[in-house]
Amino acid sequence: MKSIHQPSRESVAKNARTRRDFLGTAGALAATSVGAGSWLAGSGVVHAGSSLSSRAETVIGEMYESLTENQRAAVCKSFNDPLRKQVNANWHVVKANIGSDFYSKSQQYMALEIVKQLTSESGHETILKQTEYDDGGLGSYSVAWFGKPGDSSFEWMLTGRHLTLRADGNTQKKTVFGGPIVYGHGQESSPEDNLFYFQTQKVNRVFAALDPEQRKKALLATDIPDESDVLVQARDFYAGLSVSQLSDDQRQLVNEALTSILGVYREEDAAEAKQILDEVGGLNSLNLQFYANDDLLSDGVWDMWRIVGQRATIHFRGAPHVHAFIHIQG
C-alpha cells in the first residue's frame, strides 16, 4: 500500500528555497499553509484536547471493534504495557504492518483515515510524502491499541520509520497527543531538502531578529542533546534565551514558529498545547536553544535547535537527515 504523493529527490531540490534568500524574505513559506492566523490568538476550537467523539478516536474505536480475536492478540495490549512509553525515531510497536494481509482492506482504509484525522490538511500531505520517501508509504507502518477505546485510559499508537503518532481521546489529562510524538525525514542531500525544513526556517527567522546580546544567550557552543533527552523535564534552569526577554515583535515570530510546528496536527491538539502552556505563562515559559557545533552549510542558519520549558520539549535535529520530537505535558 503506497502513497500517491511521493516527491522525487529532483523535484524537492528544485522547489527548495535557498537559506539566505529565506532569511531576507519576510513571510516566505508562511506556516506552509497549515492554517491562517496565530496559534496563541486561538484557532476557533471550542475545547482543548481531543475526545472519544473526535473523528480520529471514532475511527480508532470502529477499527478496534472490527478486529478478530487473533488480530487483537497481536496488536492490542494493556494500557500499562511498557511499549506505550517507548520513544524512538525508527521502530515498530507490533510486527503487523498496515499494508499486510494481516488486515482486511476496510481495516487498512480505517488506519489511513485515522492518520488523516490526526493531522491538518497540509500536515497530512507532508506525512504522506515523508512515509512514502522513507519506507514506501503508510502501509509499511504499524498500529497498536493500549487499553480499550471507551475505557477510562486508552491510547492508539502508529509507529515506523521517522514517525510516531498517538491518540488518547483525552483520557490522559494535560498530555498533548497522549504522549511524545516523533517525525523526521531520511533524505541526506542538504538541510533545505528535508520536508520539515520550513520549521527550521521559521525558528531561524526568530534568531535573525535577535540583537547581539540575545544571540549570545540563544546560541550554545555545544552539541544538541542526545535523543534520550527529549521528554519534558521540569528544571530550575534552562540554557538558552528565555522568550520572556524578547520584545513583542520577537515573541510574535516565536508564535509563528509554534503555529507552523503544531499546525501539522489537528486543531484539538494545538489547542491543548496552548492551554497547557498558558498555565505556566504561555510563550514566556519557553527557552530558545540553537546549537552552534553543526552549522551544516557554514551559513549561520542553525539546523539543530530546541524549544524547551517546564511543560514542553520540541527537539529538532536536522543533520540534514531529520529526527524531531514533540512532548508537551502538564
C-alpha atoms as a PDB file:
ATOM      1  CA  MET A   1       0.000   0.000   0.000  1.00  0.00           C
ATOM      2  CA  LYS A   2       1.848   3.068  -1.214  1.00  0.00           C
ATOM      3  CA  SER A   3       1.053   6.734  -1.047  1.00  0.00           C
ATOM      4  CA  ILE A   4       0.495   8.562  -4.309  1.00  0.00           C
ATOM      5  CA  HIS A   5       2.332  11.622  -3.016  1.00  0.00           C
ATOM      6  CA  GLN A   6       5.966  10.553  -3.348  1.00  0.00           C
ATOM      7  CA  PRO A   7       8.208  13.508  -4.307  1.00  0.00           C
ATOM      8  CA  SER A   8      11.290  12.838  -6.382  1.00  0.00           C
ATOM      9  CA  ARG A   9      14.596  13.993  -4.949  1.00  0.00           C
ATOM     10  CA  GLU A  10      14.982  16.209  -8.013  1.00  0.00           C
ATOM     11  CA  SER A  11      11.635  17.929  -7.530  1.00  0.00           C
ATOM     12  CA  VAL A  12      12.245  18.522  -3.827  1.00  0.00           C
ATOM     13  CA  ALA A  13      15.627  20.068  -4.580  1.00  0.00           C
ATOM     14  CA  LYS A  14      14.216  22.172  -7.414  1.00  0.00           C
ATOM     15  CA  ASN A  15      11.494  23.651  -5.230  1.00  0.00           C
ATOM     16  CA  ALA A  16      13.671  24.281  -2.159  1.00  0.00           C
ATOM     17  CA  ARG A  17      14.393  27.897  -1.321  1.00  0.00           C
ATOM     18  CA  THR A  18      17.941  28.941  -0.549  1.00  0.00           C
ATOM     19  CA  ARG A  19      18.593  29.502   3.102  1.00  0.00           C
ATOM     20  CA  ARG A  20      19.875  33.045   2.759  1.00  0.00           C
ATOM     21  CA  ASP A  21      17.005  34.045   0.469  1.00  0.00           C
ATOM     22  CA  PHE A  22      14.520  32.923   3.086  1.00  0.00           C
ATOM     23  CA  LEU A  23      16.079  34.949   5.862  1.00  0.00           C
ATOM     24  CA  GLY A  24      15.810  38.053   3.712  1.00  0.00           C
ATOM     25  CA  THR A  25      12.216  37.428   2.663  1.00  0.00           C
ATOM     26  CA  ALA A  26       9.608  38.166   5.293  1.00  0.00           C
ATOM     27  CA  GLY A  27       6.707  35.781   5.339  1.00  0.00           C
ATOM     28  CA  ALA A  28       8.236  33.235   2.983  1.00  0.00           C
ATOM     29  CA  LEU A  29       6.663  29.794   3.283  1.00  0.00           C
ATOM     30  CA  ALA A  30       4.254  31.248   5.850  1.00  0.00           C
ATOM     31  CA  ALA A  31       3.253  28.325   8.055  1.00  0.00           C
ATOM     32  CA  THR A  32       3.409  26.153   4.911  1.00  0.00           C
ATOM     33  CA  SER A  33      -0.331  26.591   4.508  1.00  0.00           C
ATOM     34  CA  VAL A  34      -1.032  24.966   7.851  1.00  0.00           C
ATOM     35  CA  GLY A  35      -3.729  27.487   8.539  1.00  0.00           C
ATOM     36  CA  ALA A  36      -4.037  31.223   8.786  1.00  0.00           C
ATOM     37  CA  GLY A  37      -3.783  33.222  11.954  1.00  0.00           C
ATOM     38  CA  SER A  38      -1.934  32.762  15.179  1.00  0.00           C
ATOM     39  CA  TRP A  39      -1.710  29.728  17.399  1.00  0.00           C
ATOM     40  CA  LEU A  40      -1.637  31.903  20.509  1.00  0.00           C
ATOM     41  CA  ALA A  41      -4.541  34.014  19.299  1.00  0.00           C
ATOM     42  CA  GLY A  42      -6.689  30.881  19.170  1.00  0.00           C
ATOM     43  CA  SER A  43      -7.900  28.812  16.278  1.00  0.00           C
ATOM     44  CA  GLY A  44     -11.636  28.863  16.881  1.00  0.00           C
ATOM     45  CA  VAL A  45     -11.550  25.497  18.651  1.00  0.00           C
ATOM     46  CA  VAL A  46     -14.173  25.420  21.394  1.00  0.00           C
ATOM     47  CA  HIS A  47     -12.424  22.807  23.537  1.00  0.00           C
ATOM     48  CA  ALA A  48      -8.801  21.904  24.111  1.00  0.00           C
ATOM     49  CA  GLY A  49      -7.827  18.324  23.522  1.00  0.00           C
ATOM     50  CA  SER A  50      -9.470  15.512  21.641  1.00  0.00           C
ATOM     51  CA  SER A  51     -12.370  13.475  22.987  1.00  0.00           C
ATOM     52  CA  LEU A  52     -13.744   9.996  22.470  1.00  0.00           C
ATOM     53  CA  SER A  53     -16.171  11.537  19.977  1.00  0.00           C
ATOM     54  CA  SER A  54     -13.438  13.195  17.908  1.00  0.00           C
ATOM     55  CA  ARG A  55     -13.293  11.836  14.384  1.00  0.00           C
ATOM     56  CA  ALA A  56      -9.924  10.092  14.800  1.00  0.00           C
ATOM     57  CA  GLU A  57     -10.969   8.408  18.045  1.00  0.00           C
ATOM     58  CA  THR A  58     -14.285   7.369  16.490  1.00  0.00           C
ATOM     59  CA  VAL A  59     -12.479   5.530  13.680  1.00  0.00           C
ATOM     60  CA  ILE A  60      -9.989   4.086  16.175  1.00  0.00           C
ATOM     61  CA  GLY A  61     -12.945   2.586  18.033  1.00  0.00           C
ATOM     62  CA  GLU A  62     -14.520   1.279  14.821  1.00  0.00           C
ATOM     63  CA  MET A  63     -11.284  -0.366  13.752  1.00  0.00           C
ATOM     64  CA  TYR A  64     -10.879  -1.902  17.211  1.00  0.00           C
ATOM     65  CA  GLU A  65     -14.386  -3.404  17.045  1.00  0.00           C
ATOM     66  CA  SER A  66     -13.593  -4.886  13.623  1.00  0.00           C
ATOM     67  CA  LEU A  67     -10.558  -6.815  14.878  1.00  0.00           C
ATOM     68  CA  THR A  68     -10.751 -10.591  15.155  1.00  0.00           C
ATOM     69  CA  GLU A  69      -9.572 -12.419  18.267  1.00  0.00           C
ATOM     70  CA  ASN A  70      -6.310 -13.351  16.544  1.00  0.00           C
ATOM     71  CA  GLN A  71      -5.752  -9.741  15.481  1.00  0.00           C
ATOM     72  CA  ARG A  72      -6.416  -8.429  18.986  1.00  0.00           C
ATOM     73  CA  ALA A  73      -3.939 -10.894  20.435  1.00  0.00           C
ATOM     74  CA  ALA A  74      -1.266  -9.435  18.156  1.00  0.00           C
ATOM     75  CA  VAL A  75      -1.951  -5.673  18.273  1.00  0.00           C
ATOM     76  CA  CYS A  76      -3.885  -4.950  21.497  1.00  0.00           C
ATOM     77  CA  LYS A  77      -2.039  -4.509  24.779  1.00  0.00           C
ATOM     78  CA  SER A  78      -2.787  -3.370  28.293  1.00  0.00           C
ATOM     79  CA  PHE A  79      -2.649   0.345  28.958  1.00  0.00           C
ATOM     80  CA  ASN A  80       0.299  -0.195  31.321  1.00  0.00           C
ATOM     81  CA  ASP A  81       2.390  -2.125  28.805  1.00  0.00           C
ATOM     82  CA  PRO A  82       5.883  -0.529  28.787  1.00  0.00           C
ATOM     83  CA  LEU A  83       5.830  -0.324  24.983  1.00  0.00           C
ATOM     84  CA  ARG A  84       3.345   2.547  25.287  1.00  0.00           C
ATOM     85  CA  LYS A  85       6.075   4.728  26.809  1.00  0.00           C
ATOM     86  CA  GLN A  86       8.786   3.864  24.305  1.00  0.00           C
ATOM     87  CA  VAL A  87      10.112   6.769  22.219  1.00  0.00           C
ATOM     88  CA  ASN A  88      12.241   6.056  19.169  1.00  0.00           C
ATOM     89  CA  ALA A  89      12.669   7.544  15.717  1.00  0.00           C
ATOM     90  CA  ASN A  90      12.603   4.161  13.985  1.00  0.00           C
ATOM     91  CA  TRP A  91      10.762   1.209  15.486  1.00  0.00           C
ATOM     92  CA  HIS A  92       7.598  -0.886  15.230  1.00  0.00           C
ATOM     93  CA  VAL A  93       5.300  -1.276  18.210  1.00  0.00           C
ATOM     94  CA  VAL A  94       3.987  -4.549  16.728  1.00  0.00           C
ATOM     95  CA  LYS A  95       5.071  -6.730  13.805  1.00  0.00           C
ATOM     96  CA  ALA A  96       1.922  -6.454  11.671  1.00  0.00           C
ATOM     97  CA  ASN A  97       2.124  -3.650   9.104  1.00  0.00           C
ATOM     98  CA  ILE A  98      -0.949  -1.740   7.942  1.00  0.00           C
ATOM     99  CA  GLY A  99      -0.486  -2.802   4.327  1.00  0.00           C
ATOM    100  CA  SER A 100      -0.030  -6.507   5.029  1.00  0.00           C
ATOM    101  CA  ASP A 101      -2.696  -9.171   4.608  1.00  0.00           C
ATOM    102  CA  PHE A 102      -2.944  -9.242   8.404  1.00  0.00           C
ATOM    103  CA  TYR A 103      -5.588  -6.529   7.941  1.00  0.00           C
ATOM    104  CA  SER A 104      -8.631  -6.510   5.691  1.00  0.00           C
ATOM    105  CA  LYS A 105      -8.960  -3.802   3.056  1.00  0.00           C
ATOM    106  CA  SER A 106     -11.560  -1.981   5.146  1.00  0.00           C
ATOM    107  CA  GLN A 107      -9.266  -2.072   8.176  1.00  0.00           C
ATOM    108  CA  GLN A 108      -6.406  -0.720   6.107  1.00  0.00           C
ATOM    109  CA  TYR A 109      -8.634   2.123   4.979  1.00  0.00           C
ATOM    110  CA  MET A 110      -9.602   2.889   8.572  1.00  0.00           C
ATOM    111  CA  ALA A 111      -5.935   3.055   9.622  1.00  0.00           C
ATOM    112  CA  LEU A 112      -5.209   5.556   6.847  1.00  0.00           C
ATOM    113  CA  GLU A 113      -8.291   7.574   7.808  1.00  0.00           C
ATOM    114  CA  ILE A 114      -7.086   7.805  11.421  1.00  0.00           C
ATOM    115  CA  VAL A 115      -3.804   9.340  10.273  1.00  0.00           C
ATOM    116  CA  LYS A 116      -5.723  11.801   8.114  1.00  0.00           C
ATOM    117  CA  GLN A 117      -7.888  12.859  11.039  1.00  0.00           C
ATOM    118  CA  LEU A 118      -4.889  13.291  13.358  1.00  0.00           C
ATOM    119  CA  THR A 119      -3.286  15.824  11.019  1.00  0.00           C
ATOM    120  CA  SER A 120      -4.164  19.072   9.294  1.00  0.00           C
ATOM    121  CA  GLU A 121      -4.790  19.051   5.547  1.00  0.00           C
ATOM    122  CA  SER A 122      -1.280  20.193   4.646  1.00  0.00           C
ATOM    123  CA  GLY A 123       0.233  18.217   7.517  1.00  0.00           C
ATOM    124  CA  HIS A 124      -1.378  15.068   6.157  1.00  0.00           C
ATOM    125  CA  GLU A 125       0.132  15.714   2.736  1.00  0.00           C
ATOM    126  CA  THR A 126       3.571  16.182   4.309  1.00  0.00           C
ATOM    127  CA  ILE A 127       3.239  12.981   6.349  1.00  0.00           C
ATOM    128  CA  LEU A 128       2.259  11.029   3.236  1.00  0.00           C
ATOM    129  CA  LYS A 129       5.303  12.345   1.377  1.00  0.00           C
ATOM    130  CA  GLN A 130       7.593  11.522   4.282  1.00  0.00           C
ATOM    131  CA  THR A 131       6.335   7.972   4.766  1.00  0.00           C
ATOM    132  CA  GLU A 132       6.491   7.301   1.019  1.00  0.00           C
ATOM    133  CA  TYR A 133      10.059   8.588   0.806  1.00  0.00           C
ATOM    134  CA  ASP A 134      11.276   6.835   3.939  1.00  0.00           C
ATOM    135  CA  ASP A 135       9.542   3.456   3.773  1.00  0.00           C
ATOM    136  CA  GLY A 136       7.264   3.107   0.753  1.00  0.00           C
ATOM    137  CA  GLY A 137       4.140   4.596   2.336  1.00  0.00           C
ATOM    138  CA  LEU A 138       1.924   4.228   5.387  1.00  0.00           C
ATOM    139  CA  GLY A 139       1.337   0.577   4.543  1.00  0.00           C
ATOM    140  CA  SER A 140       4.801  -0.117   5.973  1.00  0.00           C
ATOM    141  CA  TYR A 141       3.877   1.302   9.399  1.00  0.00           C
ATOM    142  CA  SER A 142       2.243  -0.480  12.329  1.00  0.00           C
ATOM    143  CA  VAL A 143      -0.503   0.365  14.816  1.00  0.00           C
ATOM    144  CA  ALA A 144      -1.424  -0.831  18.294  1.00  0.00           C
ATOM    145  CA  TRP A 145      -4.096  -0.248  20.948  1.00  0.00           C
ATOM    146  CA  PHE A 146      -3.218   0.160  24.639  1.00  0.00           C
ATOM    147  CA  GLY A 147      -6.376  -0.421  26.600  1.00  0.00           C
ATOM    148  CA  LYS A 148      -9.827  -0.455  25.023  1.00  0.00           C
ATOM    149  CA  PRO A 149     -11.388   2.580  23.334  1.00  0.00           C
ATOM    150  CA  GLY A 150     -14.045   3.885  25.677  1.00  0.00           C
ATOM    151  CA  ASP A 151     -12.228   2.836  28.849  1.00  0.00           C
ATOM    152  CA  SER A 152     -11.007   5.445  31.316  1.00  0.00           C
ATOM    153  CA  SER A 153      -7.496   5.136  29.886  1.00  0.00           C
ATOM    154  CA  PHE A 154      -6.514   4.073  26.410  1.00  0.00           C
ATOM    155  CA  GLU A 155      -4.113   5.036  23.652  1.00  0.00           C
ATOM    156  CA  TRP A 156      -3.688   4.271  19.965  1.00  0.00           C
ATOM    157  CA  MET A 157      -0.199   4.433  18.505  1.00  0.00           C
ATOM    158  CA  LEU A 158       1.273   4.367  14.993  1.00  0.00           C
ATOM    159  CA  THR A 159       4.993   3.699  14.610  1.00  0.00           C
ATOM    160  CA  GLY A 160       7.546   3.224  11.870  1.00  0.00           C
ATOM    161  CA  ARG A 161      10.492   4.955  10.273  1.00  0.00           C
ATOM    162  CA  HIS A 162      10.593   8.601  11.387  1.00  0.00           C
ATOM    163  CA  LEU A 163       7.021   8.682  12.602  1.00  0.00           C
ATOM    164  CA  THR A 164       5.165   8.083  15.844  1.00  0.00           C
ATOM    165  CA  LEU A 165       1.577   9.335  16.153  1.00  0.00           C
ATOM    166  CA  ARG A 166      -0.670   8.921  19.184  1.00  0.00           C
ATOM    167  CA  ALA A 167      -4.306   9.474  20.105  1.00  0.00           C
ATOM    168  CA  ASP A 168      -5.907   9.005  23.513  1.00  0.00           C
ATOM    169  CA  GLY A 169      -9.357  10.611  23.408  1.00  0.00           C
ATOM    170  CA  ASN A 170      -8.097  12.985  26.107  1.00  0.00           C
ATOM    171  CA  THR A 171      -8.107  10.156  28.643  1.00  0.00           C
ATOM    172  CA  GLN A 172      -4.634  11.300  29.723  1.00  0.00           C
ATOM    173  CA  LYS A 173      -5.287  14.796  31.000  1.00  0.00           C
ATOM    174  CA  LYS A 174      -2.831  17.587  30.198  1.00  0.00           C
ATOM    175  CA  THR A 175      -0.862  15.379  27.828  1.00  0.00           C
ATOM    176  CA  VAL A 176      -0.855  16.578  24.225  1.00  0.00           C
ATOM    177  CA  PHE A 177      -1.234  13.763  21.666  1.00  0.00           C
ATOM    178  CA  GLY A 178      -1.324  11.275  24.573  1.00  0.00           C
ATOM    179  CA  GLY A 179       2.481  11.366  24.821  1.00  0.00           C
ATOM    180  CA  PRO A 180       5.629  12.241  22.878  1.00  0.00           C
ATOM    181  CA  ILE A 181       5.439  12.087  19.096  1.00  0.00           C
ATOM    182  CA  VAL A 182       8.185  11.684  16.508  1.00  0.00           C
ATOM    183  CA  TYR A 183       8.647  12.973  12.985  1.00  0.00           C
ATOM    184  CA  GLY A 184      11.525  13.191  10.538  1.00  0.00           C
ATOM    185  CA  HIS A 185      12.774  12.649   7.018  1.00  0.00           C
ATOM    186  CA  GLY A 186      15.569  10.396   5.792  1.00  0.00           C
ATOM    187  CA  GLN A 187      16.904  12.464   2.903  1.00  0.00           C
ATOM    188  CA  GLU A 188      20.654  13.066   3.155  1.00  0.00           C
ATOM    189  CA  SER A 189      21.436  15.599   0.405  1.00  0.00           C
ATOM    190  CA  SER A 190      21.112  19.000   2.092  1.00  0.00           C
ATOM    191  CA  PRO A 191      19.199  20.587   5.005  1.00  0.00           C
ATOM    192  CA  GLU A 192      16.790  22.583   2.847  1.00  0.00           C
ATOM    193  CA  ASP A 193      15.653  19.444   1.037  1.00  0.00           C
ATOM    194  CA  ASN A 194      14.047  17.852   4.085  1.00  0.00           C
ATOM    195  CA  LEU A 195      10.275  18.040   4.227  1.00  0.00           C
ATOM    196  CA  PHE A 196      10.280  19.802   7.600  1.00  0.00           C
ATOM    197  CA  TYR A 197      12.815  22.474   6.717  1.00  0.00           C
ATOM    198  CA  PHE A 198      10.011  25.036   6.841  1.00  0.00           C
ATOM    199  CA  GLN A 199      10.155  24.684  10.632  1.00  0.00           C
ATOM    200  CA  THR A 200      13.883  25.433  10.705  1.00  0.00           C
ATOM    201  CA  GLN A 201      13.179  28.452   8.541  1.00  0.00           C
ATOM    202  CA  LYS A 202      10.550  29.742  10.935  1.00  0.00           C
ATOM    203  CA  VAL A 203      12.732  29.201  14.008  1.00  0.00           C
ATOM    204  CA  ASN A 204      15.765  30.794  12.332  1.00  0.00           C
ATOM    205  CA  ARG A 205      13.654  33.796  11.500  1.00  0.00           C
ATOM    206  CA  VAL A 206      13.415  34.323  15.256  1.00  0.00           C
ATOM    207  CA  PHE A 207      17.209  34.105  15.558  1.00  0.00           C
ATOM    208  CA  ALA A 208      17.681  36.631  12.755  1.00  0.00           C
ATOM    209  CA  ALA A 209      15.531  39.118  14.689  1.00  0.00           C
ATOM    210  CA  LEU A 210      17.618  38.889  17.887  1.00  0.00           C
ATOM    211  CA  ASP A 211      20.089  41.556  18.934  1.00  0.00           C
ATOM    212  CA  PRO A 212      23.757  40.563  19.554  1.00  0.00           C
ATOM    213  CA  GLU A 213      23.315  40.039  23.303  1.00  0.00           C
ATOM    214  CA  GLN A 214      20.216  37.881  22.772  1.00  0.00           C
ATOM    215  CA  ARG A 215      22.021  35.809  20.140  1.00  0.00           C
ATOM    216  CA  LYS A 216      24.858  35.212  22.559  1.00  0.00           C
ATOM    217  CA  LYS A 217      22.403  33.684  25.045  1.00  0.00           C
ATOM    218  CA  ALA A 218      20.462  31.701  22.456  1.00  0.00           C
ATOM    219  CA  LEU A 219      23.446  30.159  20.630  1.00  0.00           C
ATOM    220  CA  LEU A 220      25.006  27.314  22.609  1.00  0.00           C
ATOM    221  CA  ALA A 221      28.536  26.156  21.831  1.00  0.00           C
ATOM    222  CA  THR A 222      27.639  22.513  22.397  1.00  0.00           C
ATOM    223  CA  ASP A 223      26.110  19.594  20.544  1.00  0.00           C
ATOM    224  CA  ILE A 224      22.352  19.193  20.602  1.00  0.00           C
ATOM    225  CA  PRO A 225      21.359  16.838  23.458  1.00  0.00           C
ATOM    226  CA  ASP A 226      21.052  13.143  22.818  1.00  0.00           C
ATOM    227  CA  GLU A 227      17.653  11.830  21.753  1.00  0.00           C
ATOM    228  CA  SER A 228      17.283  10.195  25.146  1.00  0.00           C
ATOM    229  CA  ASP A 229      16.710  13.754  26.440  1.00  0.00           C
ATOM    230  CA  VAL A 230      13.512  14.619  24.557  1.00  0.00           C
ATOM    231  CA  LEU A 231      10.927  14.263  27.322  1.00  0.00           C
ATOM    232  CA  VAL A 232       9.661  17.200  29.357  1.00  0.00           C
ATOM    233  CA  GLN A 233      11.755  17.803  32.461  1.00  0.00           C
ATOM    234  CA  ALA A 234      10.876  20.496  34.988  1.00  0.00           C
ATOM    235  CA  ARG A 235      14.093  22.241  35.938  1.00  0.00           C
ATOM    236  CA  ASP A 236      15.121  25.341  37.831  1.00  0.00           C
ATOM    237  CA  PHE A 237      17.290  26.478  34.917  1.00  0.00           C
ATOM    238  CA  TYR A 238      17.199  26.047  31.142  1.00  0.00           C
ATOM    239  CA  ALA A 239      20.082  27.025  28.915  1.00  0.00           C
ATOM    240  CA  GLY A 240      19.429  29.427  26.064  1.00  0.00           C
ATOM    241  CA  LEU A 241      17.332  32.553  25.725  1.00  0.00           C
ATOM    242  CA  SER A 242      14.055  32.945  27.606  1.00  0.00           C
ATOM    243  CA  VAL A 243      11.171  34.109  25.433  1.00  0.00           C
ATOM    244  CA  SER A 244      10.238  36.366  28.348  1.00  0.00           C
ATOM    245  CA  GLN A 245      13.254  38.503  27.414  1.00  0.00           C
ATOM    246  CA  LEU A 246      12.000  39.167  23.884  1.00  0.00           C
ATOM    247  CA  SER A 247      10.137  42.156  22.519  1.00  0.00           C
ATOM    248  CA  ASP A 248       6.534  41.808  21.377  1.00  0.00           C
ATOM    249  CA  ASP A 249       7.640  41.648  17.742  1.00  0.00           C
ATOM    250  CA  GLN A 250      10.162  38.926  18.512  1.00  0.00           C
ATOM    251  CA  ARG A 251       7.592  36.949  20.524  1.00  0.00           C
ATOM    252  CA  GLN A 252       5.265  37.110  17.559  1.00  0.00           C
ATOM    253  CA  LEU A 253       7.925  35.347  15.481  1.00  0.00           C
ATOM    254  CA  VAL A 254       8.124  32.629  18.149  1.00  0.00           C
ATOM    255  CA  ASN A 255       4.340  32.413  17.955  1.00  0.00           C
ATOM    256  CA  GLU A 256       4.535  31.943  14.180  1.00  0.00           C
ATOM    257  CA  ALA A 257       7.151  29.218  14.593  1.00  0.00           C
ATOM    258  CA  LEU A 258       4.970  27.275  17.045  1.00  0.00           C
ATOM    259  CA  THR A 259       1.950  27.777  14.801  1.00  0.00           C
ATOM    260  CA  SER A 260       3.922  26.174  11.987  1.00  0.00           C
ATOM    261  CA  ILE A 261       5.247  23.277  14.078  1.00  0.00           C
ATOM    262  CA  LEU A 262       1.920  22.362  15.700  1.00  0.00           C
ATOM    263  CA  GLY A 263      -0.033  23.170  12.559  1.00  0.00           C
ATOM    264  CA  VAL A 264       0.973  19.801  11.095  1.00  0.00           C
ATOM    265  CA  TYR A 265      -1.504  18.198  13.511  1.00  0.00           C
ATOM    266  CA  ARG A 266      -5.221  18.507  14.245  1.00  0.00           C
ATOM    267  CA  GLU A 267      -6.511  21.680  15.872  1.00  0.00           C
ATOM    268  CA  GLU A 268      -7.621  19.986  19.100  1.00  0.00           C
ATOM    269  CA  ASP A 269      -4.040  19.024  19.906  1.00  0.00           C
ATOM    270  CA  ALA A 270      -2.676  22.504  19.170  1.00  0.00           C
ATOM    271  CA  ALA A 271      -5.410  23.961  21.396  1.00  0.00           C
ATOM    272  CA  GLU A 272      -4.494  21.618  24.235  1.00  0.00           C
ATOM    273  CA  ALA A 273      -0.824  22.601  23.882  1.00  0.00           C
ATOM    274  CA  LYS A 274      -1.780  26.263  24.188  1.00  0.00           C
ATOM    275  CA  GLN A 275      -3.873  25.572  27.271  1.00  0.00           C
ATOM    276  CA  ILE A 276      -1.072  23.648  28.988  1.00  0.00           C
ATOM    277  CA  LEU A 277       1.493  26.376  28.288  1.00  0.00           C
ATOM    278  CA  ASP A 278      -0.902  29.143  29.315  1.00  0.00           C
ATOM    279  CA  GLU A 279      -0.989  27.650  32.810  1.00  0.00           C
ATOM    280  CA  VAL A 280       2.717  28.454  33.286  1.00  0.00           C
ATOM    281  CA  GLY A 281       2.962  31.742  31.371  1.00  0.00           C
ATOM    282  CA  GLY A 282       2.462  30.786  27.728  1.00  0.00           C
ATOM    283  CA  LEU A 283       5.322  31.667  25.416  1.00  0.00           C
ATOM    284  CA  ASN A 284       7.222  33.274  28.266  1.00  0.00           C
ATOM    285  CA  SER A 285       7.663  29.822  29.846  1.00  0.00           C
ATOM    286  CA  LEU A 286       9.843  28.693  26.926  1.00  0.00           C
ATOM    287  CA  ASN A 287      13.555  28.966  26.145  1.00  0.00           C
ATOM    288  CA  LEU A 288      15.122  29.050  22.684  1.00  0.00           C
ATOM    289  CA  GLN A 289      18.235  26.952  22.089  1.00  0.00           C
ATOM    290  CA  PHE A 290      20.340  26.948  18.921  1.00  0.00           C
ATOM    291  CA  TYR A 291      23.347  24.638  18.672  1.00  0.00           C
ATOM    292  CA  ALA A 292      26.468  26.074  17.056  1.00  0.00           C
ATOM    293  CA  ASN A 293      28.558  22.936  16.566  1.00  0.00           C
ATOM    294  CA  ASP A 294      26.708  21.759  13.462  1.00  0.00           C
ATOM    295  CA  ASP A 295      26.200  24.665  11.066  1.00  0.00           C
ATOM    296  CA  LEU A 296      25.974  22.310   8.115  1.00  0.00           C
ATOM    297  CA  LEU A 297      26.474  24.845   5.331  1.00  0.00           C
ATOM    298  CA  SER A 298      28.504  27.323   7.423  1.00  0.00           C
ATOM    299  CA  ASP A 299      25.920  29.986   6.687  1.00  0.00           C
ATOM    300  CA  GLY A 300      24.648  30.951  10.124  1.00  0.00           C
ATOM    301  CA  VAL A 301      21.382  29.067   9.683  1.00  0.00           C
ATOM    302  CA  TRP A 302      21.099  26.713  12.646  1.00  0.00           C
ATOM    303  CA  ASP A 303      19.962  23.219  11.761  1.00  0.00           C
ATOM    304  CA  MET A 304      19.957  21.922  15.358  1.00  0.00           C
ATOM    305  CA  TRP A 305      17.507  23.662  17.689  1.00  0.00           C
ATOM    306  CA  ARG A 306      15.201  23.137  20.628  1.00  0.00           C
ATOM    307  CA  ILE A 307      12.310  24.966  22.262  1.00  0.00           C
ATOM    308  CA  VAL A 308      12.096  23.855  25.886  1.00  0.00           C
ATOM    309  CA  GLY A 309      10.405  24.677  29.180  1.00  0.00           C
ATOM    310  CA  GLN A 310       8.728  23.185  32.230  1.00  0.00           C
ATOM    311  CA  ARG A 311       5.971  21.714  30.095  1.00  0.00           C
ATOM    312  CA  ALA A 312       7.400  21.438  26.593  1.00  0.00           C
ATOM    313  CA  THR A 313      10.270  19.966  24.628  1.00  0.00           C
ATOM    314  CA  ILE A 314      10.466  20.460  20.877  1.00  0.00           C
ATOM    315  CA  HIS A 315      13.691  18.884  19.637  1.00  0.00           C
ATOM    316  CA  PHE A 316      14.830  19.223  16.009  1.00  0.00           C
ATOM    317  CA  ARG A 317      17.996  17.616  14.713  1.00  0.00           C
ATOM    318  CA  GLY A 318      18.390  18.388  11.010  1.00  0.00           C
ATOM    319  CA  ALA A 319      21.678  16.779  10.155  1.00  0.00           C
ATOM    320  CA  PRO A 320      20.356  17.020   7.279  1.00  0.00           C
ATOM    321  CA  HIS A 321      18.589  13.718   7.971  1.00  0.00           C
ATOM    322  CA  VAL A 322      15.848  14.877  10.366  1.00  0.00           C
ATOM    323  CA  HIS A 323      14.897  13.405  13.732  1.00  0.00           C
ATOM    324  CA  ALA A 324      12.396  15.564  15.624  1.00  0.00           C
ATOM    325  CA  PHE A 325      10.292  15.109  18.746  1.00  0.00           C
ATOM    326  CA  ILE A 326       7.432  16.975  20.429  1.00  0.00           C
ATOM    327  CA  HIS A 327       6.448  16.401  24.051  1.00  0.00           C
ATOM    328  CA  ILE A 328       4.047  18.797  25.767  1.00  0.00           C
ATOM    329  CA  GLN A 329       2.657  17.745  29.116  1.00  0.00           C
ATOM    330  CA  GLY A 330       1.269  19.400  32.222  1.00  0.00           C
END
